[in-house]
C-alpha atoms as a PDB file:
ATOM      1  CA  UNK A   1     167.295  93.099 130.936  1.00  0.00           C
ATOM      2  CA  UNK A   2     164.947  91.936 128.151  1.00  0.00           C
ATOM      3  CA  UNK A   3     163.578  88.406 127.880  1.00  0.00           C
ATOM      4  CA  UNK A   4     165.816  87.904 124.853  1.00  0.00           C
ATOM      5  CA  UNK A   5     168.901  89.000 126.801  1.00  0.00           C
ATOM      6  CA  UNK A   6     168.069  86.410 129.458  1.00  0.00           C
ATOM      7  CA  UNK A   7     167.750  83.523 127.024  1.00  0.00           C
ATOM      8  CA  UNK A   8     170.259  84.556 124.344  1.00  0.00           C
ATOM      9  CA  UNK A   9     172.649  81.697 125.076  1.00  0.00           C
ATOM     10  CA  UNK A  10     169.904  79.102 124.536  1.00  0.00           C
ATOM     11  CA  UNK A  11     169.751  80.163 120.868  1.00  0.00           C
ATOM     12  CA  UNK A  12     173.315  78.930 120.359  1.00  0.00           C
ATOM     13  CA  UNK A  13     172.429  75.281 121.012  1.00  0.00           C
ATOM     14  CA  UNK A  14     172.582  72.726 118.216  1.00  0.00           C
ATOM     15  CA  UNK A  15     168.821  72.550 117.778  1.00  0.00           C
ATOM     16  CA  UNK A  16     168.483  76.256 117.028  1.00  0.00           C
ATOM     17  CA  UNK A  17     171.574  76.366 114.818  1.00  0.00           C
ATOM     18  CA  UNK A  18     170.387  73.419 112.733  1.00  0.00           C
ATOM     19  CA  UNK A  19     166.989  75.058 112.300  1.00  0.00           C
ATOM     20  CA  UNK A  20     168.772  78.238 111.180  1.00  0.00           C
ATOM     21  CA  UNK A  21     170.620  76.277 108.486  1.00  0.00           C
ATOM     22  CA  UNK A  22     167.343  74.839 107.231  1.00  0.00           C
ATOM     23  CA  UNK A  23     165.831  78.320 107.034  1.00  0.00           C
ATOM     24  CA  UNK A  24     168.874  79.652 105.168  1.00  0.00           C
ATOM     25  CA  UNK A  25     168.732  76.825 102.634  1.00  0.00           C
ATOM     26  CA  UNK A  26     165.023  77.425 102.134  1.00  0.00           C
ATOM     27  CA  UNK A  27     165.418  81.179 101.656  1.00  0.00           C
ATOM     28  CA  UNK A  28     168.011  80.747  98.910  1.00  0.00           C
ATOM     29  CA  UNK A  29     165.486  78.807  96.843  1.00  0.00           C
ATOM     30  CA  UNK A  30     162.958  81.647  97.054  1.00  0.00           C
ATOM     31  CA  UNK A  31     165.237  84.642  96.514  1.00  0.00           C
ATOM     32  CA  UNK A  32     164.361  86.267  93.209  1.00  0.00           C
ATOM     33  CA  UNK A  33     166.718  85.227  90.415  1.00  0.00           C
ATOM     34  CA  UNK A  34     166.660  88.717  88.895  1.00  0.00           C
ATOM     35  CA  UNK A  35     168.130  90.141  92.097  1.00  0.00           C
ATOM     36  CA  UNK A  36     170.980  87.649  91.956  1.00  0.00           C
ATOM     37  CA  UNK A  37     171.573  88.124  88.230  1.00  0.00           C
ATOM     38  CA  UNK A  38     171.477  91.917  88.127  1.00  0.00           C
ATOM     39  CA  UNK A  39     173.687  92.744  91.111  1.00  0.00           C
ATOM     40  CA  UNK A  40     177.394  92.186  91.692  1.00  0.00           C
ATOM     41  CA  UNK A  41     176.640  92.193  95.401  1.00  0.00           C
ATOM     42  CA  UNK A  42     173.314  91.516  97.134  1.00  0.00           C
ATOM     43  CA  UNK A  43     172.779  93.571 100.288  1.00  0.00           C
ATOM     44  CA  UNK A  44     170.576  91.770 102.787  1.00  0.00           C
ATOM     45  CA  UNK A  45     168.919  92.909 106.009  1.00  0.00           C
ATOM     46  CA  UNK A  46     168.253  90.326 108.734  1.00  0.00           C
ATOM     47  CA  UNK A  47     165.713  92.105 110.957  1.00  0.00           C
ATOM     48  CA  UNK A  48     165.811  90.532 114.409  1.00  0.00           C
ATOM     49  CA  UNK A  49     168.906  88.496 113.628  1.00  0.00           C
ATOM     50  CA  UNK A  50     169.372  86.975 117.075  1.00  0.00           C
ATOM     51  CA  UNK A  51     172.660  85.064 117.337  1.00  0.00           C
ATOM     52  CA  UNK A  52     173.039  84.795 113.549  1.00  0.00           C
ATOM     53  CA  UNK A  53     171.643  81.285 113.219  1.00  0.00           C
ATOM     54  CA  UNK A  54     170.250  82.162 109.762  1.00  0.00           C
ATOM     55  CA  UNK A  55     172.591  84.958 108.654  1.00  0.00           C
ATOM     56  CA  UNK A  56     175.824  83.001 109.028  1.00  0.00           C
ATOM     57  CA  UNK A  57     174.813  79.924 106.995  1.00  0.00           C
ATOM     58  CA  UNK A  58     173.004  82.136 104.473  1.00  0.00           C
ATOM     59  CA  UNK A  59     176.171  84.156 103.856  1.00  0.00           C
ATOM     60  CA  UNK A  60     178.032  80.962 102.991  1.00  0.00           C
ATOM     61  CA  UNK A  61     175.551  79.960 100.293  1.00  0.00           C
ATOM     62  CA  UNK A  62     176.369  82.751  97.845  1.00  0.00           C
ATOM     63  CA  UNK A  63     179.507  84.930  97.676  1.00  0.00           C
ATOM     64  CA  UNK A  64     177.368  87.881  96.562  1.00  0.00           C
ATOM     65  CA  UNK A  65     175.526  88.029  99.884  1.00  0.00           C
ATOM     66  CA  UNK A  66     176.446  90.861 102.269  1.00  0.00           C
ATOM     67  CA  UNK A  67     174.290  90.656 105.388  1.00  0.00           C
ATOM     68  CA  UNK A  68     173.561  93.275 108.025  1.00  0.00           C
ATOM     69  CA  UNK A  69     172.040  91.654 111.090  1.00  0.00           C
ATOM     70  CA  UNK A  70     170.275  93.953 113.539  1.00  0.00           C
ATOM     71  CA  UNK A  71     168.662  93.110 116.860  1.00  0.00           C
ATOM     72  CA  UNK A  72     167.479  95.109 119.911  1.00  0.00           C
ATOM     73  CA  UNK A  73     168.966  92.519 122.297  1.00  0.00           C
ATOM     74  CA  UNK A  74     172.547  93.355 123.224  1.00  0.00           C
ATOM     75  CA  UNK A  75     173.185  89.807 124.458  1.00  0.00           C
ATOM     76  CA  UNK A  76     172.002  88.303 121.173  1.00  0.00           C
ATOM     77  CA  UNK A  77     174.389  90.565 119.289  1.00  0.00           C
ATOM     78  CA  UNK A  78     177.261  89.703 121.636  1.00  0.00           C
ATOM     79  CA  UNK A  79     176.809  85.994 120.922  1.00  0.00           C
ATOM     80  CA  UNK A  80     176.465  86.762 117.192  1.00  0.00           C
ATOM     81  CA  UNK A  81     179.708  88.769 117.196  1.00  0.00           C
ATOM     82  CA  UNK A  82     181.475  85.979 119.073  1.00  0.00           C
ATOM     83  CA  UNK A  83     180.373  83.420 116.475  1.00  0.00           C
ATOM     84  CA  UNK A  84     181.501  85.661 113.604  1.00  0.00           C
ATOM     85  CA  UNK A  85     184.989  85.894 115.125  1.00  0.00           C
ATOM     86  CA  UNK A  86     185.264  82.223 116.101  1.00  0.00           C
ATOM     87  CA  UNK A  87     184.021  80.933 112.742  1.00  0.00           C
ATOM     88  CA  UNK A  88     185.888  83.629 110.778  1.00  0.00           C
ATOM     89  CA  UNK A  89     182.772  84.558 108.865  1.00  0.00           C
ATOM     90  CA  UNK A  90     183.063  87.286 106.244  1.00  0.00           C
ATOM     91  CA  UNK A  91     180.400  89.573 104.758  1.00  0.00           C
ATOM     92  CA  UNK A  92     178.188  89.405 107.895  1.00  0.00           C
ATOM     93  CA  UNK A  93     177.857  92.432 110.180  1.00  0.00           C
ATOM     94  CA  UNK A  94     175.844  92.203 113.429  1.00  0.00           C
ATOM     95  CA  UNK A  95     174.726  95.467 115.048  1.00  0.00           C
ATOM     96  CA  UNK A  96     172.847  96.288 118.244  1.00  0.00           C
ATOM     97  CA  UNK A  97     169.936  98.417 117.015  1.00  0.00           C
ATOM     98  CA  UNK A  98     166.149  98.150 116.826  1.00  0.00           C
ATOM     99  CA  UNK A  99     165.563  99.352 113.273  1.00  0.00           C
ATOM    100  CA  UNK A 100     167.466  99.880 110.017  1.00  0.00           C
ATOM    101  CA  UNK A 101     169.460 103.049 109.512  1.00  0.00           C
ATOM    102  CA  UNK A 102     167.713 105.270 106.927  1.00  0.00           C
ATOM    103  CA  UNK A 103     170.859 105.585 104.829  1.00  0.00           C
ATOM    104  CA  UNK A 104     171.233 101.805 104.406  1.00  0.00           C
ATOM    105  CA  UNK A 105     169.289 100.241 101.536  1.00  0.00           C
ATOM    106  CA  UNK A 106     168.902  96.568 100.730  1.00  0.00           C
ATOM    107  CA  UNK A 107     168.025  94.213  97.900  1.00  0.00           C
ATOM    108  CA  UNK A 108     166.462  91.773 100.353  1.00  0.00           C
ATOM    109  CA  UNK A 109     164.978  92.043 103.843  1.00  0.00           C
ATOM    110  CA  UNK A 110     164.004  88.990 105.852  1.00  0.00           C
ATOM    111  CA  UNK A 111     162.944  87.807 109.295  1.00  0.00           C
ATOM    112  CA  UNK A 112     162.878  84.314 110.765  1.00  0.00           C
ATOM    113  CA  UNK A 113     160.581  83.502 113.681  1.00  0.00           C
ATOM    114  CA  UNK A 114     160.387  87.173 114.627  1.00  0.00           C
ATOM    115  CA  UNK A 115     156.927  88.317 113.573  1.00  0.00           C
ATOM    116  CA  UNK A 116     155.105  86.440 116.345  1.00  0.00           C
ATOM    117  CA  UNK A 117     157.003  88.640 118.834  1.00  0.00           C
ATOM    118  CA  UNK A 118     155.907  91.906 117.185  1.00  0.00           C
ATOM    119  CA  UNK A 119     152.931  93.906 118.461  1.00  0.00           C
ATOM    120  CA  UNK A 120     152.935  96.618 115.789  1.00  0.00           C
ATOM    121  CA  UNK A 121     153.261  94.408 112.716  1.00  0.00           C
ATOM    122  CA  UNK A 122     152.250  97.204 110.352  1.00  0.00           C
ATOM    123  CA  UNK A 123     154.984  99.496 111.677  1.00  0.00           C
ATOM    124  CA  UNK A 124     157.529  96.689 111.660  1.00  0.00           C
ATOM    125  CA  UNK A 125     156.882  95.816 108.022  1.00  0.00           C
ATOM    126  CA  UNK A 126     156.992  99.493 107.054  1.00  0.00           C
ATOM    127  CA  UNK A 127     160.537  99.698 108.437  1.00  0.00           C
ATOM    128  CA  UNK A 128     161.563  96.804 106.217  1.00  0.00           C
ATOM    129  CA  UNK A 129     159.704  98.297 103.235  1.00  0.00           C
ATOM    130  CA  UNK A 130     161.439 101.657 103.648  1.00  0.00           C
ATOM    131  CA  UNK A 131     164.837  99.947 103.877  1.00  0.00           C
ATOM    132  CA  UNK A 132     164.464  98.166 100.527  1.00  0.00           C
ATOM    133  CA  UNK A 133     165.673  99.339  97.154  1.00  0.00           C
ATOM    134  CA  UNK A 134     163.244  99.431  94.224  1.00  0.00           C
ATOM    135  CA  UNK A 135     162.283  95.860  93.280  1.00  0.00           C
ATOM    136  CA  UNK A 136     163.660  94.676  96.613  1.00  0.00           C
ATOM    137  CA  UNK A 137     162.230  91.491  98.117  1.00  0.00           C
ATOM    138  CA  UNK A 138     160.856  90.734 101.567  1.00  0.00           C
ATOM    139  CA  UNK A 139     160.835  87.229 103.089  1.00  0.00           C
ATOM    140  CA  UNK A 140     158.981  86.514 106.339  1.00  0.00           C
ATOM    141  CA  UNK A 141     159.345  83.075 107.936  1.00  0.00           C
ATOM    142  CA  UNK A 142     157.087  82.068 110.822  1.00  0.00           C
ATOM    143  CA  UNK A 143     155.079  79.101 112.045  1.00  0.00           C
ATOM    144  CA  UNK A 144     151.599  78.367 110.772  1.00  0.00           C
ATOM    145  CA  UNK A 145     148.526  78.713 112.946  1.00  0.00           C
ATOM    146  CA  UNK A 146     146.916  75.364 113.819  1.00  0.00           C
ATOM    147  CA  UNK A 147     144.966  73.772 116.694  1.00  0.00           C
ATOM    148  CA  UNK A 148     148.262  72.979 118.454  1.00  0.00           C
ATOM    149  CA  UNK A 149     150.474  75.859 117.312  1.00  0.00           C
ATOM    150  CA  UNK A 150     150.094  77.661 120.653  1.00  0.00           C
ATOM    151  CA  UNK A 151     152.261  74.856 122.063  1.00  0.00           C
ATOM    152  CA  UNK A 152     155.209  75.787 119.831  1.00  0.00           C
ATOM    153  CA  UNK A 153     156.747  77.803 122.665  1.00  0.00           C
ATOM    154  CA  UNK A 154     156.988  75.383 125.559  1.00  0.00           C
ATOM    155  CA  UNK A 155     158.062  78.192 127.925  1.00  0.00           C
ATOM    156  CA  UNK A 156     156.077  81.323 126.969  1.00  0.00           C
ATOM    157  CA  UNK A 157     157.333  84.690 128.184  1.00  0.00           C
ATOM    158  CA  UNK A 158     156.416  88.354 127.948  1.00  0.00           C
ATOM    159  CA  UNK A 159     158.020  88.694 124.504  1.00  0.00           C
ATOM    160  CA  UNK A 160     155.444  86.393 122.897  1.00  0.00           C
ATOM    161  CA  UNK A 161     152.653  88.474 121.297  1.00  0.00           C
ATOM    162  CA  UNK A 162     151.114  86.009 118.806  1.00  0.00           C
ATOM    163  CA  UNK A 163     151.488  82.594 120.498  1.00  0.00           C
ATOM    164  CA  UNK A 164     149.539  80.698 117.825  1.00  0.00           C
ATOM    165  CA  UNK A 165     151.531  81.963 114.843  1.00  0.00           C
ATOM    166  CA  UNK A 166     149.756  83.051 111.669  1.00  0.00           C
ATOM    167  CA  UNK A 167     147.538  81.694 108.930  1.00  0.00           C
ATOM    168  CA  UNK A 168     148.428  82.037 105.250  1.00  0.00           C
ATOM    169  CA  UNK A 169     145.611  84.571 104.885  1.00  0.00           C
ATOM    170  CA  UNK A 170     146.941  86.707 107.743  1.00  0.00           C
ATOM    171  CA  UNK A 171     150.467  86.828 106.348  1.00  0.00           C
ATOM    172  CA  UNK A 172     149.140  87.646 102.881  1.00  0.00           C
ATOM    173  CA  UNK A 173     147.117  90.558 104.251  1.00  0.00           C
ATOM    174  CA  UNK A 174     150.013  91.889 106.334  1.00  0.00           C
ATOM    175  CA  UNK A 175     152.255  92.191 103.274  1.00  0.00           C
ATOM    176  CA  UNK A 176     149.558  93.548 100.960  1.00  0.00           C
ATOM    177  CA  UNK A 177     148.589  96.181 103.536  1.00  0.00           C
ATOM    178  CA  UNK A 178     152.273  97.148 103.811  1.00  0.00           C
ATOM    179  CA  UNK A 179     152.226  97.935 100.054  1.00  0.00           C
ATOM    180  CA  UNK A 180     154.224  94.902  98.906  1.00  0.00           C
ATOM    181  CA  UNK A 181     153.314  93.566  95.458  1.00  0.00           C
ATOM    182  CA  UNK A 182     153.229  90.066  93.939  1.00  0.00           C
ATOM    183  CA  UNK A 183     152.703  88.658  97.425  1.00  0.00           C
ATOM    184  CA  UNK A 184     152.814  84.899  97.916  1.00  0.00           C
ATOM    185  CA  UNK A 185     152.645  82.731 101.015  1.00  0.00           C
ATOM    186  CA  UNK A 186     154.293  79.342 100.620  1.00  0.00           C
ATOM    187  CA  UNK A 187     154.787  76.223 102.721  1.00  0.00           C
ATOM    188  CA  UNK A 188     158.257  76.245 104.242  1.00  0.00           C
ATOM    189  CA  UNK A 189     158.807  72.873 105.858  1.00  0.00           C
ATOM    190  CA  UNK A 190     158.154  71.640 109.382  1.00  0.00           C
ATOM    191  CA  UNK A 191     159.806  70.590 112.620  1.00  0.00           C
ATOM    192  CA  UNK A 192     158.817  68.104 115.294  1.00  0.00           C
ATOM    193  CA  UNK A 193     158.852  68.807 119.000  1.00  0.00           C
ATOM    194  CA  UNK A 194     158.159  66.751 122.071  1.00  0.00           C
ATOM    195  CA  UNK A 195     155.178  68.191 123.955  1.00  0.00           C
ATOM    196  CA  UNK A 196     154.288  67.358 127.562  1.00  0.00           C
ATOM    197  CA  UNK A 197     150.675  68.058 128.602  1.00  0.00           C
ATOM    198  CA  UNK A 198     149.312  68.944 132.039  1.00  0.00           C
ATOM    199  CA  UNK A 199     149.080  65.227 132.883  1.00  0.00           C
ATOM    200  CA  UNK A 200     152.755  64.769 131.953  1.00  0.00           C
ATOM    201  CA  UNK A 201     151.868  62.751 128.872  1.00  0.00           C
ATOM    202  CA  UNK A 202     154.401  63.114 126.077  1.00  0.00           C
ATOM    203  CA  UNK A 203     153.659  63.367 122.369  1.00  0.00           C
ATOM    204  CA  UNK A 204     155.676  64.225 119.262  1.00  0.00           C
ATOM    205  CA  UNK A 205     153.924  67.049 117.408  1.00  0.00           C
ATOM    206  CA  UNK A 206     154.585  68.581 113.995  1.00  0.00           C
ATOM    207  CA  UNK A 207     154.688  72.351 113.516  1.00  0.00           C
ATOM    208  CA  UNK A 208     154.510  73.704 109.987  1.00  0.00           C
ATOM    209  CA  UNK A 209     156.260  76.847 108.786  1.00  0.00           C
ATOM    210  CA  UNK A 210     155.309  79.406 106.160  1.00  0.00           C
ATOM    211  CA  UNK A 211     157.259  81.982 104.188  1.00  0.00           C
ATOM    212  CA  UNK A 212     155.556  85.136 102.949  1.00  0.00           C
ATOM    213  CA  UNK A 213     157.299  87.005 100.149  1.00  0.00           C
ATOM    214  CA  UNK A 214     156.644  90.104  98.075  1.00  0.00           C
ATOM    215  CA  UNK A 215     158.342  93.024  96.324  1.00  0.00           C
ATOM    216  CA  UNK A 216     158.718  96.783  96.609  1.00  0.00           C
ATOM    217  CA  UNK A 217     158.100  98.038  93.075  1.00  0.00           C
ATOM    218  CA  UNK A 218     157.847 101.798  93.639  1.00  0.00           C
END
């Protein structure tokens, strides 16, 4: 059983679901207007969708959105499927798989708080790139590297590859190296978390988020 299978249910708590709504609302503001204007339906890939905390609220923000959520954790997908049925969500399709099917092509591909779990970032971004249609858009949300960002995960596990998150420069380079064009890295809000140090002193710390976006033009 993977680490994500073990903790899948924790991602259905109110804190995670509220954060997912914030991410969804933020993504809508950055999605390219030409994509929305020029397509009767907008096919979206959520790579590492988890329990659907972003995909479900995102689908409700625009009737054009059709979202495929994929994740290599079977437990995550089971909770996602349960939420889809309970909330009677349409146009959202969770699937247990590690990478996009070659025959499926998308206008938009995004991840939320996934990249810091990925060892082969170049290979991961290539999978998203290959899944996009011409002029398709990528959106990568993750937390920004700072002197305290390694504390973002209060209970680190074996799935955590980049515990300090990423700088704007790192995200920019990742997307440029993956052949995305018109790359931008933008501030994407923040959250506060209670941190307890080794002396059991508590403090409320702020963690900033970034969104990196670019386009596949060939």
